Amino acid sequence: MGDMKKAATKTKAAGAKNQAAGALKEGAAKLTGNKSGEAEGKAQKAAGKAQTKAGKAVDKAADKVRDRV
């Protein structure tokens, strides 16, 4: 059970990191007029959001399993 929670926490942390990095990349690219960099930043932010959601889903599943035991 603890391993699931650790994995969920790591996934959520990685998601938050990717969201922040993507936002920085997107913002810097907007300032410099770099359209491809802006797209990369948006994609990285989206990937981070997906990672965060996946981590939350694993967290929720671990809680349900724990409640049944």
PDB file of N, CA and C in Angstrom:
ATOM      1  N   MET A   1       0.818  -1.194   0.000  1.00  0.00           N
ATOM      2  CA  MET A   1       0.000   0.000   0.000  1.00  0.00           C
ATOM      3  C   MET A   1       0.861   1.256   0.000  1.00  0.00           C
ATOM      4  N   GLY A   2       1.887   1.272   0.844  1.00  0.00           N
ATOM      5  CA  GLY A   2       2.754   2.428   0.930  1.00  0.00           C
ATOM      6  C   GLY A   2       3.448   2.729  -0.390  1.00  0.00           C
ATOM      7  N   ASP A   3       3.757   1.669  -1.139  1.00  0.00           N
ATOM      8  CA  ASP A   3       4.412   1.862  -2.435  1.00  0.00           C
ATOM      9  C   ASP A   3       3.504   2.601  -3.411  1.00  0.00           C
ATOM     10  N   MET A   4       2.200   2.308  -3.356  1.00  0.00           N
ATOM     11  CA  MET A   4       1.260   2.997  -4.241  1.00  0.00           C
ATOM     12  C   MET A   4       1.207   4.486  -3.909  1.00  0.00           C
ATOM     13  N   LYS A   5       1.192   4.795  -2.625  1.00  0.00           N
ATOM     14  CA  LYS A   5       1.144   6.193  -2.198  1.00  0.00           C
ATOM     15  C   LYS A   5       2.429   6.922  -2.610  1.00  0.00           C
ATOM     16  N   LYS A   6       3.578   6.236  -2.453  1.00  0.00           N
ATOM     17  CA  LYS A   6       4.849   6.846  -2.849  1.00  0.00           C
ATOM     18  C   LYS A   6       4.858   7.112  -4.352  1.00  0.00           C
ATOM     19  N   ALA A   7       4.388   6.157  -5.119  1.00  0.00           N
ATOM     20  CA  ALA A   7       4.348   6.317  -6.569  1.00  0.00           C
ATOM     21  C   ALA A   7       3.420   7.461  -6.957  1.00  0.00           C
ATOM     22  N   ALA A   8       2.284   7.545  -6.283  1.00  0.00           N
ATOM     23  CA  ALA A   8       1.335   8.620  -6.571  1.00  0.00           C
ATOM     24  C   ALA A   8       1.955   9.974  -6.253  1.00  0.00           C
ATOM     25  N   THR A   9       2.649  10.056  -5.132  1.00  0.00           N
ATOM     26  CA  THR A   9       3.283  11.311  -4.739  1.00  0.00           C
ATOM     27  C   THR A   9       4.360  11.713  -5.741  1.00  0.00           C
ATOM     28  N   LYS A  10       5.170  10.747  -6.173  1.00  0.00           N
ATOM     29  CA  LYS A  10       6.217  11.035  -7.156  1.00  0.00           C
ATOM     30  C   LYS A  10       5.606  11.493  -8.481  1.00  0.00           C
ATOM     31  N   THR A  11       4.521  10.845  -8.883  1.00  0.00           N
ATOM     32  CA  THR A  11       3.872  11.201 -10.146  1.00  0.00           C
ATOM     33  C   THR A  11       3.279  12.603 -10.057  1.00  0.00           C
ATOM     34  N   LYS A  12       2.633  12.909  -8.944  1.00  0.00           N
ATOM     35  CA  LYS A  12       2.064  14.253  -8.776  1.00  0.00           C
ATOM     36  C   LYS A  12       3.162  15.317  -8.751  1.00  0.00           C
ATOM     37  N   ALA A  13       4.270  15.022  -8.089  1.00  0.00           N
ATOM     38  CA  ALA A  13       5.386  15.972  -8.027  1.00  0.00           C
ATOM     39  C   ALA A  13       5.985  16.201  -9.418  1.00  0.00           C
ATOM     40  N   ALA A  14       6.155  15.127 -10.170  1.00  0.00           N
ATOM     41  CA  ALA A  14       6.684  15.251 -11.527  1.00  0.00           C
ATOM     42  C   ALA A  14       5.726  16.063 -12.398  1.00  0.00           C
ATOM     43  N   GLY A  15       4.437  15.860 -12.191  1.00  0.00           N
ATOM     44  CA  GLY A  15       3.443  16.619 -12.939  1.00  0.00           C
ATOM     45  C   GLY A  15       3.518  18.103 -12.628  1.00  0.00           C
ATOM     46  N   ALA A  16       3.649  18.432 -11.354  1.00  0.00           N
ATOM     47  CA  ALA A  16       3.755  19.838 -10.956  1.00  0.00           C
ATOM     48  C   ALA A  16       5.019  20.467 -11.544  1.00  0.00           C
ATOM     49  N   LYS A  17       6.106  19.708 -11.536  1.00  0.00           N
ATOM     50  CA  LYS A  17       7.370  20.193 -12.092  1.00  0.00           C
ATOM     51  C   LYS A  17       7.222  20.461 -13.590  1.00  0.00           C
ATOM     52  N   ASN A  18       6.591  19.545 -14.304  1.00  0.00           N
ATOM     53  CA  ASN A  18       6.397  19.732 -15.745  1.00  0.00           C
ATOM     54  C   ASN A  18       5.461  20.891 -16.052  1.00  0.00           C
ATOM     55  N   GLN A  19       4.440  21.065 -15.231  1.00  0.00           N
ATOM     56  CA  GLN A  19       3.537  22.200 -15.444  1.00  0.00           C
ATOM     57  C   GLN A  19       4.289  23.513 -15.282  1.00  0.00           C
ATOM     58  N   ALA A  20       5.091  23.615 -14.227  1.00  0.00           N
ATOM     59  CA  ALA A  20       5.848  24.840 -13.982  1.00  0.00           C
ATOM     60  C   ALA A  20       6.882  25.088 -15.080  1.00  0.00           C
ATOM     61  N   ALA A  21       7.611  24.039 -15.444  1.00  0.00           N
ATOM     62  CA  ALA A  21       8.630  24.178 -16.490  1.00  0.00           C
ATOM     63  C   ALA A  21       7.985  24.557 -17.819  1.00  0.00           C
ATOM     64  N   GLY A  22       6.851  23.944 -18.108  1.00  0.00           N
ATOM     65  CA  GLY A  22       6.145  24.264 -19.349  1.00  0.00           C
ATOM     66  C   GLY A  22       5.659  25.697 -19.380  1.00  0.00           C
ATOM     67  N   ALA A  23       5.168  26.174 -18.235  1.00  0.00           N
ATOM     68  CA  ALA A  23       4.700  27.561 -18.163  1.00  0.00           C
ATOM     69  C   ALA A  23       5.851  28.537 -18.369  1.00  0.00           C
ATOM     70  N   LEU A  24       7.007  28.226 -17.766  1.00  0.00           N
ATOM     71  CA  LEU A  24       8.187  29.081 -17.959  1.00  0.00           C
ATOM     72  C   LEU A  24       8.642  29.074 -19.418  1.00  0.00           C
ATOM     73  N   LYS A  25       8.693  27.880 -19.988  1.00  0.00           N
ATOM     74  CA  LYS A  25       9.122  27.746 -21.380  1.00  0.00           C
ATOM     75  C   LYS A  25       8.174  28.505 -22.310  1.00  0.00           C
ATOM     76  N   GLU A  26       6.873  28.352 -22.060  1.00  0.00           N
ATOM     77  CA  GLU A  26       5.874  29.020 -22.887  1.00  0.00           C
ATOM     78  C   GLU A  26       6.001  30.539 -22.759  1.00  0.00           C
ATOM     79  N   GLY A  27       6.156  31.007 -21.517  1.00  0.00           N
ATOM     80  CA  GLY A  27       6.264  32.451 -21.298  1.00  0.00           C
ATOM     81  C   GLY A  27       7.499  33.049 -21.952  1.00  0.00           C
ATOM     82  N   ALA A  28       8.634  32.376 -21.803  1.00  0.00           N
ATOM     83  CA  ALA A  28       9.873  32.866 -22.417  1.00  0.00           C
ATOM     84  C   ALA A  28       9.749  32.875 -23.939  1.00  0.00           C
ATOM     85  N   ALA A  29       9.121  31.847 -24.468  1.00  0.00           N
ATOM     86  CA  ALA A  29       8.963  31.764 -25.917  1.00  0.00           C
ATOM     87  C   ALA A  29       8.035  32.863 -26.426  1.00  0.00           C
ATOM     88  N   LYS A  30       7.004  33.181 -25.673  1.00  0.00           N
ATOM     89  CA  LYS A  30       6.099  34.270 -26.069  1.00  0.00           C
ATOM     90  C   LYS A  30       6.859  35.589 -26.119  1.00  0.00           C
ATOM     91  N   LEU A  31       7.706  35.820 -25.114  1.00  0.00           N
ATOM     92  CA  LEU A  31       8.473  37.067 -25.066  1.00  0.00           C
ATOM     93  C   LEU A  31       9.417  37.212 -26.248  1.00  0.00           C
ATOM     94  N   THR A  32       9.962  36.096 -26.704  1.00  0.00           N
ATOM     95  CA  THR A  32      10.934  36.136 -27.796  1.00  0.00           C
ATOM     96  C   THR A  32      10.299  35.881 -29.162  1.00  0.00           C
ATOM     97  N   GLY A  33       9.007  35.596 -29.175  1.00  0.00           N
ATOM     98  CA  GLY A  33       8.329  35.349 -30.445  1.00  0.00           C
ATOM     99  C   GLY A  33       8.627  33.980 -31.035  1.00  0.00           C
ATOM    100  N   ASN A  34       9.042  33.056 -30.213  1.00  0.00           N
ATOM    101  CA  ASN A  34       9.395  31.706 -30.660  1.00  0.00           C
ATOM    102  C   ASN A  34       8.150  30.816 -30.613  1.00  0.00           C
ATOM    103  N   LYS A  35       7.507  30.652 -31.744  1.00  0.00           N
ATOM    104  CA  LYS A  35       6.252  29.886 -31.805  1.00  0.00           C
ATOM    105  C   LYS A  35       6.441  28.410 -31.470  1.00  0.00           C
ATOM    106  N   SER A  36       7.536  27.813 -31.931  1.00  0.00           N
ATOM    107  CA  SER A  36       7.733  26.391 -31.642  1.00  0.00           C
ATOM    108  C   SER A  36       8.025  26.182 -30.155  1.00  0.00           C
ATOM    109  N   GLY A  37       8.774  27.090 -29.552  1.00  0.00           N
ATOM    110  CA  GLY A  37       9.035  27.011 -28.113  1.00  0.00           C
ATOM    111  C   GLY A  37       7.766  27.184 -27.304  1.00  0.00           C
ATOM    112  N   GLU A  38       6.907  28.061 -27.794  1.00  0.00           N
ATOM    113  CA  GLU A  38       5.615  28.272 -27.135  1.00  0.00           C
ATOM    114  C   GLU A  38       4.777  26.992 -27.181  1.00  0.00           C
ATOM    115  N   ALA A  39       4.774  26.334 -28.322  1.00  0.00           N
ATOM    116  CA  ALA A  39       4.043  25.070 -28.472  1.00  0.00           C
ATOM    117  C   ALA A  39       4.628  23.990 -27.569  1.00  0.00           C
ATOM    118  N   GLU A  40       5.960  23.947 -27.487  1.00  0.00           N
ATOM    119  CA  GLU A  40       6.614  22.973 -26.605  1.00  0.00           C
ATOM    120  C   GLU A  40       6.213  23.213 -25.148  1.00  0.00           C
ATOM    121  N   GLY A  41       6.187  24.466 -24.752  1.00  0.00           N
ATOM    122  CA  GLY A  41       5.790  24.804 -23.384  1.00  0.00           C
ATOM    123  C   GLY A  41       4.365  24.380 -23.087  1.00  0.00           C
ATOM    124  N   LYS A  42       3.475  24.650 -24.029  1.00  0.00           N
ATOM    125  CA  LYS A  42       2.074  24.249 -23.853  1.00  0.00           C
ATOM    126  C   LYS A  42       1.958  22.731 -23.747  1.00  0.00           C
ATOM    127  N   ALA A  43       2.708  22.027 -24.588  1.00  0.00           N
ATOM    128  CA  ALA A  43       2.672  20.561 -24.558  1.00  0.00           C
ATOM    129  C   ALA A  43       3.207  20.034 -23.222  1.00  0.00           C
ATOM    130  N   GLN A  44       4.281  20.641 -22.723  1.00  0.00           N
ATOM    131  CA  GLN A  44       4.851  20.202 -21.451  1.00  0.00           C
ATOM    132  C   GLN A  44       3.885  20.476 -20.301  1.00  0.00           C
ATOM    133  N   LYS A  45       3.198  21.621 -20.360  1.00  0.00           N
ATOM    134  CA  LYS A  45       2.191  21.916 -19.331  1.00  0.00           C
ATOM    135  C   LYS A  45       1.069  20.883 -19.360  1.00  0.00           C
ATOM    136  N   ALA A  46       0.613  20.549 -20.556  1.00  0.00           N
ATOM    137  CA  ALA A  46      -0.458  19.555 -20.697  1.00  0.00           C
ATOM    138  C   ALA A  46      -0.013  18.190 -20.179  1.00  0.00           C
ATOM    139  N   ALA A  47       1.212  17.816 -20.477  1.00  0.00           N
ATOM    140  CA  ALA A  47       1.747  16.538 -19.982  1.00  0.00           C
ATOM    141  C   ALA A  47       1.813  16.553 -18.460  1.00  0.00           C
ATOM    142  N   GLY A  48       2.206  17.670 -17.902  1.00  0.00           N
ATOM    143  CA  GLY A  48       2.258  17.800 -16.442  1.00  0.00           C
ATOM    144  C   GLY A  48       0.887  17.673 -15.805  1.00  0.00           C
ATOM    145  N   LYS A  49      -0.105  18.274 -16.439  1.00  0.00           N
ATOM    146  CA  LYS A  49      -1.472  18.157 -15.916  1.00  0.00           C
ATOM    147  C   LYS A  49      -1.937  16.708 -15.953  1.00  0.00           C
ATOM    148  N   ALA A  50      -1.600  16.013 -17.024  1.00  0.00           N
ATOM    149  CA  ALA A  50      -1.979  14.601 -17.138  1.00  0.00           C
ATOM    150  C   ALA A  50      -1.278  13.767 -16.066  1.00  0.00           C
ATOM    151  N   GLN A  51      -0.002  14.055 -15.814  1.00  0.00           N
ATOM    152  CA  GLN A  51       0.736  13.324 -14.768  1.00  0.00           C
ATOM    153  C   GLN A  51       0.094  13.570 -13.401  1.00  0.00           C
ATOM    154  N   THR A  52      -0.257  14.809 -13.137  1.00  0.00           N
ATOM    155  CA  THR A  52      -0.870  15.141 -11.855  1.00  0.00           C
ATOM    156  C   THR A  52      -2.192  14.403 -11.683  1.00  0.00           C
ATOM    157  N   LYS A  53      -2.993  14.382 -12.741  1.00  0.00           N
ATOM    158  CA  LYS A  53      -4.268  13.659 -12.677  1.00  0.00           C
ATOM    159  C   LYS A  53      -4.046  12.170 -12.466  1.00  0.00           C
ATOM    160  N   ALA A  54      -3.043  11.613 -13.127  1.00  0.00           N
ATOM    161  CA  ALA A  54      -2.739  10.186 -12.954  1.00  0.00           C
ATOM    162  C   ALA A  54      -2.319   9.903 -11.519  1.00  0.00           C
ATOM    163  N   GLY A  55      -1.500  10.758 -10.950  1.00  0.00           N
ATOM    164  CA  GLY A  55      -1.082  10.592  -9.560  1.00  0.00           C
ATOM    165  C   GLY A  55      -2.256  10.654  -8.603  1.00  0.00           C
ATOM    166  N   LYS A  56      -3.170  11.572  -8.873  1.00  0.00           N
ATOM    167  CA  LYS A  56      -4.367  11.683  -8.020  1.00  0.00           C
ATOM    168  C   LYS A  56      -5.243  10.435  -8.141  1.00  0.00           C
ATOM    169  N   ALA A  57      -5.329   9.885  -9.341  1.00  0.00           N
ATOM    170  CA  ALA A  57      -6.120   8.665  -9.544  1.00  0.00           C
ATOM    171  C   ALA A  57      -5.519   7.487  -8.785  1.00  0.00           C
ATOM    172  N   VAL A  58      -4.195   7.372  -8.817  1.00  0.00           N
ATOM    173  CA  VAL A  58      -3.529   6.292  -8.083  1.00  0.00           C
ATOM    174  C   VAL A  58      -3.735   6.488  -6.582  1.00  0.00           C
ATOM    175  N   ASP A  59      -3.649   7.719  -6.139  1.00  0.00           N
ATOM    176  CA  ASP A  59      -3.877   8.042  -4.733  1.00  0.00           C
ATOM    177  C   ASP A  59      -5.285   7.613  -4.301  1.00  0.00           C
ATOM    178  N   LYS A  60      -6.246   7.946  -5.130  1.00  0.00           N
ATOM    179  CA  LYS A  60      -7.642   7.605  -4.836  1.00  0.00           C
ATOM    180  C   LYS A  60      -7.838   6.084  -4.813  1.00  0.00           C
ATOM    181  N   ALA A  61      -7.225   5.396  -5.766  1.00  0.00           N
ATOM    182  CA  ALA A  61      -7.327   3.936  -5.811  1.00  0.00           C
ATOM    183  C   ALA A  61      -6.697   3.315  -4.566  1.00  0.00           C
ATOM    184  N   ALA A  62      -5.562   3.851  -4.145  1.00  0.00           N
ATOM    185  CA  ALA A  62      -4.893   3.327  -2.944  1.00  0.00           C
ATOM    186  C   ALA A  62      -5.771   3.523  -1.717  1.00  0.00           C
ATOM    187  N   ASP A  63      -6.443   4.647  -1.646  1.00  0.00           N
ATOM    188  CA  ASP A  63      -7.351   4.905  -0.525  1.00  0.00           C
ATOM    189  C   ASP A  63      -8.511   3.908  -0.525  1.00  0.00           C
ATOM    190  N   LYS A  64      -9.054   3.616  -1.707  1.00  0.00           N
ATOM    191  CA  LYS A  64     -10.159   2.666  -1.781  1.00  0.00           C
ATOM    192  C   LYS A  64      -9.720   1.261  -1.373  1.00  0.00           C
ATOM    193  N   VAL A  65      -8.526   0.875  -1.814  1.00  0.00           N
ATOM    194  CA  VAL A  65      -8.013  -0.433  -1.452  1.00  0.00           C
ATOM    195  C   VAL A  65      -7.808  -0.497   0.070  1.00  0.00           C
ATOM    196  N   ARG A  66      -7.234   0.559   0.619  1.00  0.00           N
ATOM    197  CA  ARG A  66      -6.983   0.614   2.052  1.00  0.00           C
ATOM    198  C   ARG A  66      -8.314   0.520   2.839  1.00  0.00           C
ATOM    199  N   ASP A  67      -9.349   1.197   2.352  1.00  0.00           N
ATOM    200  CA  ASP A  67     -10.641   1.180   3.019  1.00  0.00           C
ATOM    201  C   ASP A  67     -11.291  -0.205   3.009  1.00  0.00           C
ATOM    202  N   ARG A  68     -10.969  -1.011   2.017  1.00  0.00           N
ATOM    203  CA  ARG A  68     -11.559  -2.357   1.916  1.00  0.00           C
ATOM    204  C   ARG A  68     -10.817  -3.385   2.741  1.00  0.00           C
ATOM    205  N   VAL A  69      -9.604  -3.065   3.111  1.00  0.00           N
ATOM    206  CA  VAL A  69      -8.788  -4.042   3.871  1.00  0.00           C
ATOM    207  C   VAL A  69      -9.112  -3.992   5.323  1.00  0.00           C
TER     208      VAL A  69
END
